[in-house]
Amino acid sequence: MAVDADTEQPVGQLAEVAEEPILKSATTVRLAAVALTAAAIALAALASYLVHQIDVERNAQHVDEMFVQVGRQAATNLSTIDYNSVDGDVQRILDSSTGTFYDDFSVRADAFRDAVRKARSTSEGTVTAAGLESVDGDHAQVVVAVQVKTTVAGAEDPQPRAWRMRVTVQRIGDTAKVGNVEFVA
C-alpha cells in the first residue's frame, strides 16, 4: 500500500476524505441556487400582482371619473337651453341618453322645443358641485348641484336658482350615457 510521505496516511484514504467536502460544498451551492431561484420567482409574482392591482385601481378610478363627468355634462345639457338653438340642444341631450330617459325625452322633445320657442326662453346652467353617490357594476348614481339662470321674453332679470339632480349613468363599452335624471331636494 502506498503511503503519503507528508501525512503518513494511505493514498486511497486521502482520496476518499477529499471527496466528502467537495460533495457537501456542491450540495450547498445547489440548494442555495434553488433557494435564490424560488425567491426570484416569488418576487416576480409579487411584483406582477402589485402591478395588476395598480392597473385595476387606475381603471376603477378612470371609470368613476367618467361617471361623474357624464353626470356633470348631463346637468349642463339639461339646464343650458336656448330658444335660438333648441333643436341642437335637444339633440345633444338625446345623443347623451339611453334607456328609459332617452325614450321619455324623445317622446316629449317636440313639445319641449315648442314650449321653449313660445316662451323665448334661454337657460344657462353652471355646475357648482358633483359627486359619485354609488356605483353598481356598469351603473352609477351621480349627484350634481347646478345654478340655473333662466330668462323669458318680457320677464324681469331672473335670479339664479339652485337645482340638485341625481343622474343615473350607464357605462356602455368605453363610454357612458344618461339613463335617468331625478330632481332632488
Protein backbone atom coordinates (compact mmCIF):
# COMPACT_ATOMS: atom_id res chain seq x y z
CA MET A 1 0.00 0.00 0.00
CA ALA A 2 1.28 3.43 -0.90
CA VAL A 3 1.74 5.93 1.90
CA ASP A 4 1.77 9.73 1.57
CA ALA A 5 5.06 10.95 2.96
CA ASP A 6 3.61 14.20 4.41
CA THR A 7 0.57 12.76 6.22
CA GLU A 8 1.71 9.19 6.63
CA GLN A 9 -1.76 8.01 5.58
CA PRO A 10 -2.55 5.60 2.85
CA VAL A 11 -3.08 7.36 -0.51
CA GLY A 12 -6.53 5.74 -1.10
CA GLN A 13 -7.89 7.15 2.14
CA LEU A 14 -6.81 10.67 1.19
CA ALA A 15 -8.86 10.48 -1.96
CA GLU A 16 -11.99 9.45 -0.04
CA VAL A 17 -11.55 12.17 2.57
CA ALA A 18 -11.03 14.84 -0.08
CA GLU A 19 -14.30 13.90 -1.91
CA GLU A 20 -16.60 14.44 1.09
CA PRO A 21 -16.12 18.25 1.47
CA ILE A 22 -16.45 18.71 -2.31
CA LEU A 23 -19.79 16.85 -2.31
CA LYS A 24 -21.06 18.83 0.68
CA SER A 25 -19.98 22.08 -0.99
CA ALA A 26 -21.71 21.21 -4.29
CA THR A 27 -24.93 20.28 -2.49
CA THR A 28 -24.88 23.55 -0.58
CA VAL A 29 -24.36 25.51 -3.80
CA ARG A 30 -27.26 23.67 -5.47
CA LEU A 31 -29.56 24.33 -2.52
CA ALA A 32 -28.58 28.00 -2.50
CA ALA A 33 -29.25 28.24 -6.25
CA VAL A 34 -32.68 26.62 -5.82
CA ALA A 35 -33.50 28.95 -2.92
CA LEU A 36 -32.41 32.03 -4.88
CA THR A 37 -34.44 30.91 -7.91
CA ALA A 38 -37.52 30.35 -5.73
CA ALA A 39 -37.07 33.76 -4.13
CA ALA A 40 -36.70 35.42 -7.55
CA ILE A 41 -39.87 33.71 -8.80
CA ALA A 42 -41.76 34.76 -5.66
CA LEU A 43 -40.59 38.38 -6.05
CA ALA A 44 -41.55 38.39 -9.73
CA ALA A 45 -45.00 37.01 -8.87
CA LEU A 46 -45.47 39.63 -6.14
CA ALA A 47 -44.38 42.43 -8.47
CA SER A 48 -46.76 41.18 -11.15
CA TYR A 49 -49.63 41.03 -8.66
CA LEU A 50 -48.93 44.56 -7.41
CA VAL A 51 -48.75 45.96 -10.95
CA HIS A 52 -52.06 44.23 -11.73
CA GLN A 53 -53.68 45.70 -8.61
CA ILE A 54 -52.47 49.19 -9.57
CA ASP A 55 -53.95 48.74 -13.06
CA VAL A 56 -57.28 47.57 -11.59
CA GLU A 57 -57.38 50.56 -9.24
CA ARG A 58 -56.49 53.02 -12.01
CA ASN A 59 -59.19 51.56 -14.24
CA ALA A 60 -61.79 51.81 -11.48
CA GLN A 61 -60.76 55.41 -10.81
CA HIS A 62 -60.99 56.21 -14.53
CA VAL A 63 -64.49 54.71 -14.71
CA ASP A 64 -65.58 56.66 -11.60
CA GLU A 65 -64.26 59.89 -13.13
CA MET A 66 -66.11 59.08 -16.38
CA PHE A 67 -69.37 58.57 -14.44
CA VAL A 68 -69.01 61.94 -12.69
CA GLN A 69 -68.05 63.73 -15.93
CA VAL A 70 -71.09 62.31 -17.75
CA GLY A 71 -73.32 63.34 -14.83
CA ARG A 72 -71.88 66.88 -14.87
CA GLN A 73 -72.36 67.14 -18.63
CA ALA A 74 -75.92 65.84 -18.41
CA ALA A 75 -76.79 68.50 -15.84
CA THR A 76 -75.22 71.17 -18.06
CA ASN A 77 -77.07 69.89 -21.13
CA LEU A 78 -80.41 69.81 -19.33
CA SER A 79 -80.03 73.27 -17.82
CA THR A 80 -78.50 75.10 -20.79
CA ILE A 81 -81.21 75.57 -23.39
CA ASP A 82 -81.61 78.48 -25.81
CA TYR A 83 -84.71 79.03 -27.94
CA ASN A 84 -82.40 80.04 -30.80
CA SER A 85 -80.61 76.68 -30.77
CA VAL A 86 -83.20 74.42 -29.15
CA ASP A 87 -83.02 71.78 -31.92
CA GLY A 88 -79.29 71.27 -31.31
CA ASP A 89 -79.78 71.44 -27.53
CA VAL A 90 -82.42 68.70 -27.66
CA GLN A 91 -80.27 66.58 -29.96
CA ARG A 92 -77.31 66.96 -27.58
CA ILE A 93 -79.49 65.65 -24.74
CA LEU A 94 -80.72 62.72 -26.83
CA ASP A 95 -77.21 61.86 -28.02
CA SER A 96 -76.01 61.54 -24.43
CA SER A 97 -79.01 59.49 -23.28
CA THR A 98 -80.02 55.84 -23.21
CA GLY A 99 -82.79 53.59 -21.97
CA THR A 100 -85.87 54.98 -20.28
CA PHE A 101 -84.58 58.53 -20.16
CA TYR A 102 -83.92 58.51 -23.89
CA ASP A 103 -87.36 57.04 -24.60
CA ASP A 104 -89.20 59.52 -22.37
CA PHE A 105 -87.29 62.57 -23.57
CA SER A 106 -87.60 61.68 -27.26
CA VAL A 107 -91.40 61.36 -26.87
CA ARG A 108 -91.58 64.82 -25.24
CA ALA A 109 -88.91 66.51 -27.39
CA ASP A 110 -91.30 68.24 -29.82
CA ALA A 111 -93.48 69.66 -27.05
CA PHE A 112 -90.34 70.78 -25.19
CA ARG A 113 -88.98 72.57 -28.29
CA ASP A 114 -92.33 74.31 -28.84
CA ALA A 115 -92.57 75.48 -25.22
CA VAL A 116 -89.02 76.87 -25.26
CA ARG A 117 -89.63 78.70 -28.55
CA LYS A 118 -93.00 80.14 -27.44
CA ALA A 119 -91.55 81.45 -24.19
CA ARG A 120 -88.40 82.64 -25.97
CA SER A 121 -86.58 81.06 -23.08
CA THR A 122 -82.86 80.96 -22.50
CA SER A 123 -81.37 78.99 -19.62
CA GLU A 124 -77.76 78.75 -18.62
CA GLY A 125 -76.68 76.15 -16.09
CA THR A 126 -73.41 76.14 -14.22
CA VAL A 127 -72.41 73.03 -12.29
CA THR A 128 -71.26 74.04 -8.81
CA ALA A 129 -70.57 70.55 -7.44
CA ALA A 130 -70.79 66.94 -8.49
CA GLY A 131 -70.02 63.69 -6.76
CA LEU A 132 -70.36 59.98 -7.11
CA GLU A 133 -73.12 58.70 -4.85
CA SER A 134 -72.86 55.00 -5.69
CA VAL A 135 -71.56 52.53 -8.24
CA ASP A 136 -73.08 49.16 -9.05
CA GLY A 137 -71.22 47.48 -11.88
CA ASP A 138 -71.85 49.47 -15.06
CA HIS A 139 -74.32 51.86 -13.40
CA ALA A 140 -73.66 54.84 -11.14
CA GLN A 141 -75.63 57.50 -9.31
CA VAL A 142 -74.11 60.97 -9.60
CA VAL A 143 -75.46 63.89 -7.60
CA VAL A 144 -74.99 67.25 -9.29
CA ALA A 145 -75.66 70.78 -7.99
CA VAL A 146 -76.40 73.39 -10.65
CA GLN A 147 -77.02 77.13 -10.59
CA VAL A 148 -79.51 77.95 -13.36
CA LYS A 149 -80.30 81.37 -14.72
CA THR A 150 -83.33 81.44 -17.00
CA THR A 151 -84.61 84.40 -18.99
CA VAL A 152 -88.00 84.54 -20.64
CA ALA A 153 -89.10 87.20 -23.11
CA GLY A 154 -90.77 90.08 -21.28
CA ALA A 155 -89.80 88.91 -17.78
CA GLU A 156 -87.65 90.75 -15.26
CA ASP A 157 -83.97 89.92 -14.79
CA PRO A 158 -84.08 86.48 -13.22
CA GLN A 159 -82.28 85.34 -10.11
CA PRO A 160 -80.27 82.15 -10.36
CA ARG A 161 -81.95 79.06 -8.95
CA ALA A 162 -80.20 76.14 -7.34
CA TRP A 163 -81.06 72.68 -8.67
CA ARG A 164 -79.89 69.33 -7.47
CA MET A 165 -80.09 66.32 -9.73
CA ARG A 166 -79.45 62.64 -9.25
CA VAL A 167 -78.22 61.38 -12.60
CA THR A 168 -78.13 57.66 -13.31
CA VAL A 169 -75.21 56.96 -15.62
CA GLN A 170 -74.82 53.71 -17.52
CA ARG A 171 -71.49 52.53 -18.88
CA ILE A 172 -71.75 51.29 -22.46
CA GLY A 173 -68.40 49.94 -23.64
CA ASP A 174 -65.80 52.68 -23.32
CA THR A 175 -68.40 55.45 -22.95
CA ALA A 176 -71.32 56.21 -20.67
CA LYS A 177 -74.75 57.72 -21.15
CA VAL A 178 -77.56 59.10 -19.01
CA GLY A 179 -80.19 56.53 -18.09
CA ASN A 180 -82.31 58.64 -15.75
CA VAL A 181 -82.49 62.06 -14.10
CA GLU A 182 -84.30 62.93 -10.88
CA PHE A 183 -84.55 66.36 -9.33
CA VAL A 184 -83.86 66.08 -5.59
CA ALA A 185 -84.28 68.42 -2.65
